[in-house]
Amino acid sequence: MDVAFDARTTDDAAGSGLTSLNSSLLTIGSGPNRALVVQINFSLKTVSGLTVKWDATGANQSLTQIIAANSDGAQGRSELWGLVNPVSGNKELSLAWTGSSEAVVAAVAWTNVKQSGGAATFANATSNKGANNTPSVAVTSKAGNATMDVSTSNFGAYSAPTQTEVYTREFLPVIDGAGSRAAGAASVTHQWTLSGTPGNWVSVGVDIVAVDGITGSLSAALGNTTLAASGSVGGDIAGTLSTTLGNVTLTASGTVTTDVSTAAFGSHGLSFDALLVPDLEMGVSIASSDLEMVALLVHGIEVDVSVRTLSTPDVEEMEMSAALVPDLDLAAVPELWDFKAAVS
């Protein structure tokens, strides 16, 4: 599922001679798998002890620095900070640091972002600096992700971004700043044009990684009956699930990310694994030394399989309802099991 733009600050917040800066100009929506990325410009290259918080008086969520870099001039520093799962709503973004500085802050909220945090979410962070009129940074990314940059210069106003502008700030005594966002591709260049005589600038950028998912198809073949689904589904398990009971084969292939819960049953070594697969509801694997089976709920078409031991080993009875399973081989089922299969 592709990273999707949610919201941005309606304007940047800025000032001179600061050691803190707050902004209440962002309202984060309630979409799934949210992330927040904050763009910061400083004049002081030696800013230290910076903290960035979202909703400091409520959820009090602390952001993590993604990347920071200084220009080769006397002034100019660019930083990006990130947070996964920020609380929704119109909250306050709060910055505090040591060292009096000009500062500018803006932010963008996203959905469908990988929730691991750190470099797994905010990947391929990179910087570039120069002394010309075209500050730029190239970010390694891929289709489905998103990218952002922030650039700081000590001369000239920013204009003509090659990507979608988030903000520009000029008329501070020392620095100008700007930030942009873009859809992911193999490589995304964020470039600006600066007015005036060339001076020093520094740009940083980051790749914002999409939530994990399935690509490919899922199928369950029951004798002559095949159930199939294709598309993209959120998920954590990679590989192929396939098992056969007689002539009944249930198969799932592709890459699935999911939570896995396991419970052990002592009788006859029976184990039970439940795979919670987003949008495909639930897959169940039941295994023993004699029997293995996978059941999947595929887009509302349920394959329900239940297996239990008989109370006494010498009972030799079996019951089965398999209207849609014409080729099921009953000989594959040990006599110590009471086997029921239903397809609806």
C-alpha atoms as a PDB file:
ATOM      1  CA  MET A   1       0.000   0.000   0.000  1.00  0.00           C
ATOM      2  CA  ASP A   2       1.477   3.360  -1.051  1.00  0.00           C
ATOM      3  CA  VAL A   3       2.466   6.050   1.426  1.00  0.00           C
ATOM      4  CA  ALA A   4      -0.216   8.750   1.265  1.00  0.00           C
ATOM      5  CA  PHE A   5      -0.033  12.449   2.102  1.00  0.00           C
ATOM      6  CA  ASP A   6      -2.222  13.315   5.088  1.00  0.00           C
ATOM      7  CA  ALA A   7      -1.561  16.931   6.090  1.00  0.00           C
ATOM      8  CA  ARG A   8       1.089  19.619   6.431  1.00  0.00           C
ATOM      9  CA  THR A   9       1.527  22.642   8.637  1.00  0.00           C
ATOM     10  CA  THR A  10      -0.531  25.443   7.121  1.00  0.00           C
ATOM     11  CA  ASP A  11       2.517  27.702   7.471  1.00  0.00           C
ATOM     12  CA  ASP A  12       5.999  27.471   8.907  1.00  0.00           C
ATOM     13  CA  ALA A  13       6.827  28.881  12.338  1.00  0.00           C
ATOM     14  CA  ALA A  14       9.985  30.993  12.560  1.00  0.00           C
ATOM     15  CA  GLY A  15      11.892  33.540  14.598  1.00  0.00           C
ATOM     16  CA  SER A  16      15.282  34.959  15.587  1.00  0.00           C
ATOM     17  CA  GLY A  17      17.289  34.735  18.814  1.00  0.00           C
ATOM     18  CA  LEU A  18      15.380  31.622  19.902  1.00  0.00           C
ATOM     19  CA  THR A  19      16.050  28.623  22.125  1.00  0.00           C
ATOM     20  CA  SER A  20      12.565  27.168  21.625  1.00  0.00           C
ATOM     21  CA  LEU A  21       9.826  27.245  19.014  1.00  0.00           C
ATOM     22  CA  ASN A  22       6.240  25.959  18.989  1.00  0.00           C
ATOM     23  CA  SER A  23       3.714  25.431  16.201  1.00  0.00           C
ATOM     24  CA  SER A  24       0.008  24.550  16.350  1.00  0.00           C
ATOM     25  CA  LEU A  25      -0.470  24.689  12.599  1.00  0.00           C
ATOM     26  CA  LEU A  26      -0.782  20.950  11.909  1.00  0.00           C
ATOM     27  CA  THR A  27      -3.844  18.710  12.212  1.00  0.00           C
ATOM     28  CA  ILE A  28      -3.064  15.009  11.812  1.00  0.00           C
ATOM     29  CA  GLY A  29      -5.856  12.792  10.514  1.00  0.00           C
ATOM     30  CA  SER A  30      -6.973   9.387  11.803  1.00  0.00           C
ATOM     31  CA  GLY A  31      -5.760   7.286   8.860  1.00  0.00           C
ATOM     32  CA  PRO A  32      -3.866   4.013   9.326  1.00  0.00           C
ATOM     33  CA  ASN A  33      -0.115   3.621   9.906  1.00  0.00           C
ATOM     34  CA  ARG A  34       0.587   7.299  10.487  1.00  0.00           C
ATOM     35  CA  ALA A  35       3.971   9.040  10.537  1.00  0.00           C
ATOM     36  CA  LEU A  36       5.134  12.605  11.146  1.00  0.00           C
ATOM     37  CA  VAL A  37       8.255  14.194   9.618  1.00  0.00           C
ATOM     38  CA  VAL A  38       9.469  17.605  10.827  1.00  0.00           C
ATOM     39  CA  GLN A  39      11.644  19.970   8.763  1.00  0.00           C
ATOM     40  CA  ILE A  40      13.932  22.383  10.673  1.00  0.00           C
ATOM     41  CA  ASN A  41      16.276  25.209   9.644  1.00  0.00           C
ATOM     42  CA  PHE A  42      18.805  26.787  12.026  1.00  0.00           C
ATOM     43  CA  SER A  43      21.268  29.623  11.564  1.00  0.00           C
ATOM     44  CA  LEU A  44      23.478  28.333  14.389  1.00  0.00           C
ATOM     45  CA  LYS A  45      25.534  25.332  13.295  1.00  0.00           C
ATOM     46  CA  THR A  46      26.335  24.325  16.871  1.00  0.00           C
ATOM     47  CA  VAL A  47      22.769  23.960  18.163  1.00  0.00           C
ATOM     48  CA  SER A  48      22.767  21.232  20.827  1.00  0.00           C
ATOM     49  CA  GLY A  49      20.354  19.333  23.061  1.00  0.00           C
ATOM     50  CA  LEU A  50      17.483  19.650  20.601  1.00  0.00           C
ATOM     51  CA  THR A  51      14.213  17.954  21.610  1.00  0.00           C
ATOM     52  CA  VAL A  52      11.178  17.748  19.356  1.00  0.00           C
ATOM     53  CA  LYS A  53       7.809  16.714  20.799  1.00  0.00           C
ATOM     54  CA  TRP A  54       4.314  16.226  19.435  1.00  0.00           C
ATOM     55  CA  ASP A  55       1.442  17.053  21.819  1.00  0.00           C
ATOM     56  CA  ALA A  56       3.776  17.753  24.750  1.00  0.00           C
ATOM     57  CA  THR A  57       0.877  18.494  27.126  1.00  0.00           C
ATOM     58  CA  GLY A  58      -1.032  15.339  26.187  1.00  0.00           C
ATOM     59  CA  ALA A  59       0.450  12.229  24.581  1.00  0.00           C
ATOM     60  CA  ASN A  60       3.914  13.845  24.860  1.00  0.00           C
ATOM     61  CA  GLN A  61       5.436  11.900  21.976  1.00  0.00           C
ATOM     62  CA  SER A  62       9.161  12.439  21.329  1.00  0.00           C
ATOM     63  CA  LEU A  63      10.452  12.543  17.772  1.00  0.00           C
ATOM     64  CA  THR A  64      13.807  11.051  16.746  1.00  0.00           C
ATOM     65  CA  GLN A  65      16.421  12.838  14.681  1.00  0.00           C
ATOM     66  CA  ILE A  66      16.653  11.378  11.180  1.00  0.00           C
ATOM     67  CA  ILE A  67      19.538  13.482   9.862  1.00  0.00           C
ATOM     68  CA  ALA A  68      21.266  16.842  10.429  1.00  0.00           C
ATOM     69  CA  ALA A  69      23.938  18.597   8.382  1.00  0.00           C
ATOM     70  CA  ASN A  70      25.752  21.948   8.336  1.00  0.00           C
ATOM     71  CA  SER A  71      26.653  24.183   5.412  1.00  0.00           C
ATOM     72  CA  ASP A  72      30.237  25.172   4.672  1.00  0.00           C
ATOM     73  CA  GLY A  73      29.415  28.797   5.513  1.00  0.00           C
ATOM     74  CA  ALA A  74      29.424  30.545   8.869  1.00  0.00           C
ATOM     75  CA  GLN A  75      25.699  29.836   9.332  1.00  0.00           C
ATOM     76  CA  GLY A  76      23.212  27.223   8.187  1.00  0.00           C
ATOM     77  CA  ARG A  77      21.989  23.885   9.486  1.00  0.00           C
ATOM     78  CA  SER A  78      19.220  21.578   8.184  1.00  0.00           C
ATOM     79  CA  GLU A  79      17.527  18.790  10.175  1.00  0.00           C
ATOM     80  CA  LEU A  80      14.768  16.187   9.713  1.00  0.00           C
ATOM     81  CA  TRP A  81      13.017  14.473  12.634  1.00  0.00           C
ATOM     82  CA  GLY A  82      10.489  11.607  12.547  1.00  0.00           C
ATOM     83  CA  LEU A  83       7.771   9.879  14.573  1.00  0.00           C
ATOM     84  CA  VAL A  84       5.599   6.840  13.870  1.00  0.00           C
ATOM     85  CA  ASN A  85       2.017   6.604  15.100  1.00  0.00           C
ATOM     86  CA  PRO A  86       1.561  10.254  16.129  1.00  0.00           C
ATOM     87  CA  VAL A  87      -1.722  10.955  17.862  1.00  0.00           C
ATOM     88  CA  SER A  88      -4.400  12.437  15.630  1.00  0.00           C
ATOM     89  CA  GLY A  89      -5.772  15.946  15.930  1.00  0.00           C
ATOM     90  CA  ASN A  90      -4.691  19.567  16.035  1.00  0.00           C
ATOM     91  CA  LYS A  91      -1.816  19.350  18.529  1.00  0.00           C
ATOM     92  CA  GLU A  92       1.272  21.419  19.246  1.00  0.00           C
ATOM     93  CA  LEU A  93       4.733  20.745  17.880  1.00  0.00           C
ATOM     94  CA  SER A  94       7.334  21.828  20.477  1.00  0.00           C
ATOM     95  CA  LEU A  95      11.073  22.349  19.940  1.00  0.00           C
ATOM     96  CA  ALA A  96      13.691  23.311  22.544  1.00  0.00           C
ATOM     97  CA  TRP A  97      17.493  23.525  22.278  1.00  0.00           C
ATOM     98  CA  THR A  98      20.652  25.158  23.602  1.00  0.00           C
ATOM     99  CA  GLY A  99      22.189  28.075  21.699  1.00  0.00           C
ATOM    100  CA  SER A 100      20.434  31.226  20.489  1.00  0.00           C
ATOM    101  CA  SER A 101      19.532  30.847  16.836  1.00  0.00           C
ATOM    102  CA  GLU A 102      17.220  31.773  14.043  1.00  0.00           C
ATOM    103  CA  ALA A 103      14.903  28.823  13.479  1.00  0.00           C
ATOM    104  CA  VAL A 104      12.190  27.669  11.095  1.00  0.00           C
ATOM    105  CA  VAL A 105       9.959  24.600  11.521  1.00  0.00           C
ATOM    106  CA  ALA A 106       7.345  22.900   9.357  1.00  0.00           C
ATOM    107  CA  ALA A 107       5.968  19.360   9.232  1.00  0.00           C
ATOM    108  CA  VAL A 108       4.144  16.783   7.112  1.00  0.00           C
ATOM    109  CA  ALA A 109       1.943  13.891   8.275  1.00  0.00           C
ATOM    110  CA  TRP A 110       1.622  10.690   6.228  1.00  0.00           C
ATOM    111  CA  THR A 111      -0.406   7.456   6.278  1.00  0.00           C
ATOM    112  CA  ASN A 112       0.397   3.892   5.168  1.00  0.00           C
ATOM    113  CA  VAL A 113       3.917   4.191   6.582  1.00  0.00           C
ATOM    114  CA  LYS A 114       5.926   1.292   8.003  1.00  0.00           C
ATOM    115  CA  GLN A 115       5.602   1.453  11.798  1.00  0.00           C
ATOM    116  CA  SER A 116       8.982   0.049  12.843  1.00  0.00           C
ATOM    117  CA  GLY A 117      10.498   3.503  13.317  1.00  0.00           C
ATOM    118  CA  GLY A 118      14.139   4.503  12.955  1.00  0.00           C
ATOM    119  CA  ALA A 119      15.990   3.775   9.723  1.00  0.00           C
ATOM    120  CA  ALA A 120      13.501   1.023   8.841  1.00  0.00           C
ATOM    121  CA  THR A 121      10.831   3.708   8.424  1.00  0.00           C
ATOM    122  CA  PHE A 122      12.916   6.790   7.658  1.00  0.00           C
ATOM    123  CA  ALA A 123      15.436   5.279   5.270  1.00  0.00           C
ATOM    124  CA  ASN A 124      18.255   6.418   3.006  1.00  0.00           C
ATOM    125  CA  ALA A 125      18.765   9.726   4.810  1.00  0.00           C
ATOM    126  CA  THR A 126      21.261  11.826   2.887  1.00  0.00           C
ATOM    127  CA  SER A 127      22.710  15.349   2.636  1.00  0.00           C
ATOM    128  CA  ASN A 128      24.263  17.663   0.097  1.00  0.00           C
ATOM    129  CA  LYS A 129      25.826  21.126   0.291  1.00  0.00           C
ATOM    130  CA  GLY A 130      27.198  23.718  -2.067  1.00  0.00           C
ATOM    131  CA  ALA A 131      27.709  27.355  -2.941  1.00  0.00           C
ATOM    132  CA  ASN A 132      25.550  27.995  -6.001  1.00  0.00           C
ATOM    133  CA  ASN A 133      21.981  28.966  -6.874  1.00  0.00           C
ATOM    134  CA  THR A 134      20.550  25.442  -7.180  1.00  0.00           C
ATOM    135  CA  PRO A 135      20.493  23.640  -3.835  1.00  0.00           C
ATOM    136  CA  SER A 136      19.498  20.010  -4.275  1.00  0.00           C
ATOM    137  CA  VAL A 137      19.548  16.584  -2.686  1.00  0.00           C
ATOM    138  CA  ALA A 138      18.909  13.216  -4.377  1.00  0.00           C
ATOM    139  CA  VAL A 139      17.074  10.637  -2.247  1.00  0.00           C
ATOM    140  CA  THR A 140      17.152   6.911  -2.971  1.00  0.00           C
ATOM    141  CA  SER A 141      13.593   5.614  -2.728  1.00  0.00           C
ATOM    142  CA  LYS A 142      11.145   3.437  -4.665  1.00  0.00           C
ATOM    143  CA  ALA A 143       7.620   3.545  -6.036  1.00  0.00           C
ATOM    144  CA  GLY A 144       5.072   3.476  -3.212  1.00  0.00           C
ATOM    145  CA  ASN A 145       7.305   5.336  -0.750  1.00  0.00           C
ATOM    146  CA  ALA A 146       7.533   9.113  -0.271  1.00  0.00           C
ATOM    147  CA  THR A 147      10.446  11.526   0.117  1.00  0.00           C
ATOM    148  CA  MET A 148      11.068  14.876   1.845  1.00  0.00           C
ATOM    149  CA  ASP A 149      13.817  17.478   1.980  1.00  0.00           C
ATOM    150  CA  VAL A 150      14.737  20.604   3.914  1.00  0.00           C
ATOM    151  CA  SER A 151      17.262  23.189   2.701  1.00  0.00           C
ATOM    152  CA  THR A 152      18.946  26.125   4.451  1.00  0.00           C
ATOM    153  CA  SER A 153      20.976  28.949   2.875  1.00  0.00           C
ATOM    154  CA  ASN A 154      22.590  32.173   4.076  1.00  0.00           C
ATOM    155  CA  PHE A 155      21.581  34.122   0.995  1.00  0.00           C
ATOM    156  CA  GLY A 156      18.649  34.515  -1.405  1.00  0.00           C
ATOM    157  CA  ALA A 157      15.037  33.408  -1.409  1.00  0.00           C
ATOM    158  CA  TYR A 158      13.978  29.863  -2.362  1.00  0.00           C
ATOM    159  CA  SER A 159      11.696  29.341  -5.363  1.00  0.00           C
ATOM    160  CA  ALA A 160      10.899  26.962  -8.241  1.00  0.00           C
ATOM    161  CA  PRO A 161      10.964  23.619  -6.389  1.00  0.00           C
ATOM    162  CA  THR A 162      11.144  20.502  -8.536  1.00  0.00           C
ATOM    163  CA  GLN A 163       8.875  18.733  -6.007  1.00  0.00           C
ATOM    164  CA  THR A 164       5.768  19.775  -4.061  1.00  0.00           C
ATOM    165  CA  GLU A 165       6.496  22.764  -1.833  1.00  0.00           C
ATOM    166  CA  VAL A 166       5.749  22.433   1.871  1.00  0.00           C
ATOM    167  CA  TYR A 167       7.049  25.883   2.847  1.00  0.00           C
ATOM    168  CA  THR A 168       9.551  28.633   2.048  1.00  0.00           C
ATOM    169  CA  ARG A 169      10.874  31.175   4.540  1.00  0.00           C
ATOM    170  CA  GLU A 170      12.766  34.388   3.772  1.00  0.00           C
ATOM    171  CA  PHE A 171      13.473  37.774   5.368  1.00  0.00           C
ATOM    172  CA  LEU A 172      15.106  36.377   8.493  1.00  0.00           C
ATOM    173  CA  PRO A 173      18.286  38.354   9.231  1.00  0.00           C
ATOM    174  CA  VAL A 174      20.700  35.511   8.411  1.00  0.00           C
ATOM    175  CA  ILE A 175      19.104  32.452   6.784  1.00  0.00           C
ATOM    176  CA  ASP A 176      16.418  31.433   4.337  1.00  0.00           C
ATOM    177  CA  GLY A 177      14.829  27.993   4.359  1.00  0.00           C
ATOM    178  CA  ALA A 178      12.526  25.709   2.409  1.00  0.00           C
ATOM    179  CA  GLY A 179      11.135  22.186   2.371  1.00  0.00           C
ATOM    180  CA  SER A 180       9.327  19.934  -0.090  1.00  0.00           C
ATOM    181  CA  ARG A 181       7.761  16.482  -0.442  1.00  0.00           C
ATOM    182  CA  ALA A 182       7.394  13.972  -3.282  1.00  0.00           C
ATOM    183  CA  ALA A 183       6.149  10.540  -4.277  1.00  0.00           C
ATOM    184  CA  GLY A 184       8.817   7.852  -4.225  1.00  0.00           C
ATOM    185  CA  ALA A 185      10.750   6.585  -7.232  1.00  0.00           C
ATOM    186  CA  ALA A 186      14.132   4.892  -7.697  1.00  0.00           C
ATOM    187  CA  SER A 187      15.783   8.271  -7.128  1.00  0.00           C
ATOM    188  CA  VAL A 188      14.034  11.550  -6.306  1.00  0.00           C
ATOM    189  CA  THR A 189      15.836  14.893  -6.626  1.00  0.00           C
ATOM    190  CA  HIS A 190      14.592  17.801  -4.528  1.00  0.00           C
ATOM    191  CA  GLN A 191      15.968  20.985  -6.101  1.00  0.00           C
ATOM    192  CA  TRP A 192      15.339  24.692  -5.580  1.00  0.00           C
ATOM    193  CA  THR A 193      16.423  27.970  -7.161  1.00  0.00           C
ATOM    194  CA  LEU A 194      18.017  30.683  -5.004  1.00  0.00           C
ATOM    195  CA  SER A 195      17.961  34.370  -5.861  1.00  0.00           C
ATOM    196  CA  GLY A 196      20.963  36.662  -5.431  1.00  0.00           C
ATOM    197  CA  THR A 197      24.693  36.090  -5.356  1.00  0.00           C
ATOM    198  CA  PRO A 198      25.672  32.466  -4.761  1.00  0.00           C
ATOM    199  CA  GLY A 199      26.443  31.596  -1.165  1.00  0.00           C
ATOM    200  CA  ASN A 200      26.439  28.494   1.026  1.00  0.00           C
ATOM    201  CA  TRP A 201      23.521  26.103   1.391  1.00  0.00           C
ATOM    202  CA  VAL A 202      22.868  22.666   2.882  1.00  0.00           C
ATOM    203  CA  SER A 203      20.043  20.226   2.047  1.00  0.00           C
ATOM    204  CA  VAL A 204      19.017  16.954   3.693  1.00  0.00           C
ATOM    205  CA  GLY A 205      16.505  14.368   2.492  1.00  0.00           C
ATOM    206  CA  VAL A 206      14.853  11.112   3.541  1.00  0.00           C
ATOM    207  CA  ASP A 207      12.901   8.182   2.101  1.00  0.00           C
ATOM    208  CA  ILE A 208       9.639   7.402   3.957  1.00  0.00           C
ATOM    209  CA  VAL A 209       8.965   3.663   3.683  1.00  0.00           C
ATOM    210  CA  ALA A 210       5.535   2.208   2.916  1.00  0.00           C
ATOM    211  CA  VAL A 211       3.868  -0.288   5.238  1.00  0.00           C
ATOM    212  CA  ASP A 212       4.771  -3.900   4.470  1.00  0.00           C
ATOM    213  CA  GLY A 213       2.395  -5.873   2.275  1.00  0.00           C
ATOM    214  CA  ILE A 214       1.639  -8.884   0.124  1.00  0.00           C
ATOM    215  CA  THR A 215       2.347  -8.705  -3.537  1.00  0.00           C
ATOM    216  CA  GLY A 216       1.241 -11.582  -5.701  1.00  0.00           C
ATOM    217  CA  SER A 217      -1.690 -13.894  -5.249  1.00  0.00           C
ATOM    218  CA  LEU A 218      -3.260 -16.269  -2.758  1.00  0.00           C
ATOM    219  CA  SER A 219      -4.991 -19.443  -3.817  1.00  0.00           C
ATOM    220  CA  ALA A 220      -6.620 -22.452  -2.184  1.00  0.00           C
ATOM    221  CA  ALA A 221      -7.097 -25.505  -4.359  1.00  0.00           C
ATOM    222  CA  LEU A 222      -9.618 -28.015  -2.964  1.00  0.00           C
ATOM    223  CA  GLY A 223      -9.745 -30.964  -5.283  1.00  0.00           C
ATOM    224  CA  ASN A 224     -11.355 -29.546  -8.397  1.00  0.00           C
ATOM    225  CA  THR A 225     -12.336 -26.341  -6.607  1.00  0.00           C
ATOM    226  CA  THR A 226      -9.904 -23.412  -6.583  1.00  0.00           C
ATOM    227  CA  LEU A 227     -10.375 -20.208  -4.610  1.00  0.00           C
ATOM    228  CA  ALA A 228      -8.068 -17.338  -5.576  1.00  0.00           C
ATOM    229  CA  ALA A 229      -7.387 -13.755  -4.605  1.00  0.00           C
ATOM    230  CA  SER A 230      -4.860 -11.228  -5.840  1.00  0.00           C
ATOM    231  CA  GLY A 231      -3.824  -7.726  -4.892  1.00  0.00           C
ATOM    232  CA  SER A 232      -1.803  -6.038  -2.181  1.00  0.00           C
ATOM    233  CA  VAL A 233      -2.297  -6.778   1.497  1.00  0.00           C
ATOM    234  CA  GLY A 234      -0.513  -5.527   4.612  1.00  0.00           C
ATOM    235  CA  GLY A 235       1.537  -8.161   6.300  1.00  0.00           C
ATOM    236  CA  ASP A 236       5.386  -9.881   8.144  1.00  0.00           C
ATOM    237  CA  ILE A 237       5.835 -13.432   6.890  1.00  0.00           C
ATOM    238  CA  ALA A 238       7.596 -14.152   3.627  1.00  0.00           C
ATOM    239  CA  GLY A 239       7.421 -17.346   1.643  1.00  0.00           C
ATOM    240  CA  THR A 240       4.905 -19.933   0.540  1.00  0.00           C
ATOM    241  CA  LEU A 241       2.356 -21.814   2.629  1.00  0.00           C
ATOM    242  CA  SER A 242       1.324 -25.081   1.023  1.00  0.00           C
ATOM    243  CA  THR A 243       0.030 -28.353   2.399  1.00  0.00           C
ATOM    244  CA  THR A 244      -1.829 -31.366   1.052  1.00  0.00           C
ATOM    245  CA  LEU A 245      -4.391 -33.693   2.630  1.00  0.00           C
ATOM    246  CA  GLY A 246      -4.938 -36.471   0.166  1.00  0.00           C
ATOM    247  CA  ASN A 247      -5.882 -34.670  -3.018  1.00  0.00           C
ATOM    248  CA  VAL A 248      -6.806 -31.465  -1.167  1.00  0.00           C
ATOM    249  CA  THR A 249      -4.161 -28.741  -1.448  1.00  0.00           C
ATOM    250  CA  LEU A 250      -4.307 -25.314   0.173  1.00  0.00           C
ATOM    251  CA  THR A 251      -1.635 -22.844  -0.928  1.00  0.00           C
ATOM    252  CA  ALA A 252      -0.714 -19.254  -0.134  1.00  0.00           C
ATOM    253  CA  SER A 253       2.198 -17.649  -1.949  1.00  0.00           C
ATOM    254  CA  GLY A 254       3.736 -14.199  -1.954  1.00  0.00           C
ATOM    255  CA  THR A 255       4.984 -12.075   0.906  1.00  0.00           C
ATOM    256  CA  VAL A 256       2.737 -11.752   3.955  1.00  0.00           C
ATOM    257  CA  THR A 257       3.385  -9.606   6.999  1.00  0.00           C
ATOM    258  CA  THR A 258       1.422 -10.607  10.036  1.00  0.00           C
ATOM    259  CA  ASP A 259       1.331 -11.319  13.726  1.00  0.00           C
ATOM    260  CA  VAL A 260       1.777 -14.977  14.642  1.00  0.00           C
ATOM    261  CA  SER A 261       0.320 -16.568  17.755  1.00  0.00           C
ATOM    262  CA  THR A 262       1.002 -20.172  18.751  1.00  0.00           C
ATOM    263  CA  ALA A 263      -0.629 -22.469  21.309  1.00  0.00           C
ATOM    264  CA  ALA A 264       0.519 -26.038  22.009  1.00  0.00           C
ATOM    265  CA  PHE A 265      -1.771 -28.984  22.674  1.00  0.00           C
ATOM    266  CA  GLY A 266      -0.306 -32.021  24.404  1.00  0.00           C
ATOM    267  CA  SER A 267      -2.549 -34.684  22.917  1.00  0.00           C
ATOM    268  CA  HIS A 268      -0.737 -36.575  20.149  1.00  0.00           C
ATOM    269  CA  GLY A 269       1.686 -33.666  19.704  1.00  0.00           C
ATOM    270  CA  LEU A 270      -0.953 -31.495  18.083  1.00  0.00           C
ATOM    271  CA  SER A 271       0.044 -27.887  17.521  1.00  0.00           C
ATOM    272  CA  PHE A 272      -1.998 -24.927  16.381  1.00  0.00           C
ATOM    273  CA  ASP A 273      -0.753 -21.812  14.609  1.00  0.00           C
ATOM    274  CA  ALA A 274      -3.022 -18.879  13.852  1.00  0.00           C
ATOM    275  CA  LEU A 275      -1.805 -16.435  11.221  1.00  0.00           C
ATOM    276  CA  LEU A 276      -3.640 -13.133  11.387  1.00  0.00           C
ATOM    277  CA  VAL A 277      -3.488 -11.802   7.841  1.00  0.00           C
ATOM    278  CA  PRO A 278      -4.851  -8.257   7.322  1.00  0.00           C
ATOM    279  CA  ASP A 279      -7.730  -8.094   4.840  1.00  0.00           C
ATOM    280  CA  LEU A 280      -7.662 -11.875   4.409  1.00  0.00           C
ATOM    281  CA  GLU A 281      -8.974 -12.345   7.904  1.00  0.00           C
ATOM    282  CA  MET A 282      -7.405 -15.529   9.247  1.00  0.00           C
ATOM    283  CA  GLY A 283      -5.343 -18.501   8.169  1.00  0.00           C
ATOM    284  CA  VAL A 284      -5.120 -21.591  10.374  1.00  0.00           C
ATOM    285  CA  SER A 285      -2.466 -24.304  10.322  1.00  0.00           C
ATOM    286  CA  ILE A 286      -3.072 -27.568  12.209  1.00  0.00           C
ATOM    287  CA  ALA A 287      -0.239 -30.071  12.362  1.00  0.00           C
ATOM    288  CA  SER A 288       0.740 -33.365  13.978  1.00  0.00           C
ATOM    289  CA  SER A 289       3.055 -36.205  13.022  1.00  0.00           C
ATOM    290  CA  ASP A 290       0.238 -37.668  10.918  1.00  0.00           C
ATOM    291  CA  LEU A 291      -1.674 -34.677   9.579  1.00  0.00           C
ATOM    292  CA  GLU A 292      -0.968 -31.197   8.290  1.00  0.00           C
ATOM    293  CA  MET A 293      -3.492 -28.754   6.956  1.00  0.00           C
ATOM    294  CA  VAL A 294      -3.790 -25.045   6.235  1.00  0.00           C
ATOM    295  CA  ALA A 295      -7.124 -23.246   6.021  1.00  0.00           C
ATOM    296  CA  LEU A 296      -7.500 -19.740   4.669  1.00  0.00           C
ATOM    297  CA  LEU A 297     -10.342 -17.287   4.628  1.00  0.00           C
ATOM    298  CA  VAL A 298      -9.936 -15.788   1.160  1.00  0.00           C
ATOM    299  CA  HIS A 299     -11.909 -12.597   0.535  1.00  0.00           C
ATOM    300  CA  GLY A 300     -15.016 -13.837   2.281  1.00  0.00           C
ATOM    301  CA  ILE A 301     -14.885 -17.433   0.979  1.00  0.00           C
ATOM    302  CA  GLU A 302     -14.314 -19.506   4.073  1.00  0.00           C
ATOM    303  CA  VAL A 303     -12.512 -22.818   4.185  1.00  0.00           C
ATOM    304  CA  ASP A 304     -13.140 -24.131   7.676  1.00  0.00           C
ATOM    305  CA  VAL A 305     -11.232 -27.169   8.862  1.00  0.00           C
ATOM    306  CA  SER A 306     -11.389 -28.660  12.348  1.00  0.00           C
ATOM    307  CA  VAL A 307      -9.460 -31.639  13.681  1.00  0.00           C
ATOM    308  CA  ARG A 308      -9.677 -33.277  17.121  1.00  0.00           C
ATOM    309  CA  THR A 309      -8.508 -36.485  18.754  1.00  0.00           C
ATOM    310  CA  LEU A 310     -11.048 -39.096  19.708  1.00  0.00           C
ATOM    311  CA  SER A 311     -11.482 -39.806  23.378  1.00  0.00           C
ATOM    312  CA  THR A 312     -10.438 -43.457  22.927  1.00  0.00           C
ATOM    313  CA  PRO A 313      -7.798 -44.624  20.417  1.00  0.00           C
ATOM    314  CA  ASP A 314      -9.695 -47.755  19.365  1.00  0.00           C
ATOM    315  CA  VAL A 315     -12.726 -45.896  18.029  1.00  0.00           C
ATOM    316  CA  GLU A 316     -12.687 -46.143  14.268  1.00  0.00           C
ATOM    317  CA  GLU A 317     -15.185 -43.660  13.057  1.00  0.00           C
ATOM    318  CA  MET A 318     -14.891 -40.677  10.845  1.00  0.00           C
ATOM    319  CA  GLU A 319     -17.359 -38.139   9.685  1.00  0.00           C
ATOM    320  CA  MET A 320     -16.984 -35.644   6.911  1.00  0.00           C
ATOM    321  CA  SER A 321     -18.969 -33.038   5.063  1.00  0.00           C
ATOM    322  CA  ALA A 322     -17.188 -31.930   1.885  1.00  0.00           C
ATOM    323  CA  ALA A 323     -19.755 -30.895  -0.687  1.00  0.00           C
ATOM    324  CA  LEU A 324     -17.202 -28.827  -2.587  1.00  0.00           C
ATOM    325  CA  VAL A 325     -14.260 -31.187  -2.081  1.00  0.00           C
ATOM    326  CA  PRO A 326     -14.920 -33.988  -4.554  1.00  0.00           C
ATOM    327  CA  ASP A 327     -11.410 -35.440  -4.592  1.00  0.00           C
ATOM    328  CA  LEU A 328     -10.649 -35.646  -0.883  1.00  0.00           C
ATOM    329  CA  ASP A 329      -8.783 -38.850  -0.075  1.00  0.00           C
ATOM    330  CA  LEU A 330     -10.159 -40.223   3.191  1.00  0.00           C
ATOM    331  CA  ALA A 331      -7.348 -42.758   3.383  1.00  0.00           C
ATOM    332  CA  ALA A 332      -4.972 -39.901   4.170  1.00  0.00           C
ATOM    333  CA  VAL A 333      -6.751 -39.260   7.486  1.00  0.00           C
ATOM    334  CA  PRO A 334      -5.570 -41.475  10.390  1.00  0.00           C
ATOM    335  CA  GLU A 335      -8.259 -43.421  12.237  1.00  0.00           C
ATOM    336  CA  LEU A 336      -7.354 -41.692  15.488  1.00  0.00           C
ATOM    337  CA  TRP A 337      -8.855 -38.472  14.194  1.00  0.00           C
ATOM    338  CA  ASP A 338     -12.407 -37.373  13.841  1.00  0.00           C
ATOM    339  CA  PHE A 339     -12.210 -35.185  10.763  1.00  0.00           C
ATOM    340  CA  LYS A 340     -14.774 -32.629   9.628  1.00  0.00           C
ATOM    341  CA  ALA A 341     -14.349 -30.284   6.677  1.00  0.00           C
ATOM    342  CA  ALA A 342     -16.864 -27.786   5.425  1.00  0.00           C
ATOM    343  CA  VAL A 343     -16.586 -25.245   2.646  1.00  0.00           C
ATOM    344  CA  SER A 344     -18.967 -22.284   2.551  1.00  0.00           C
END
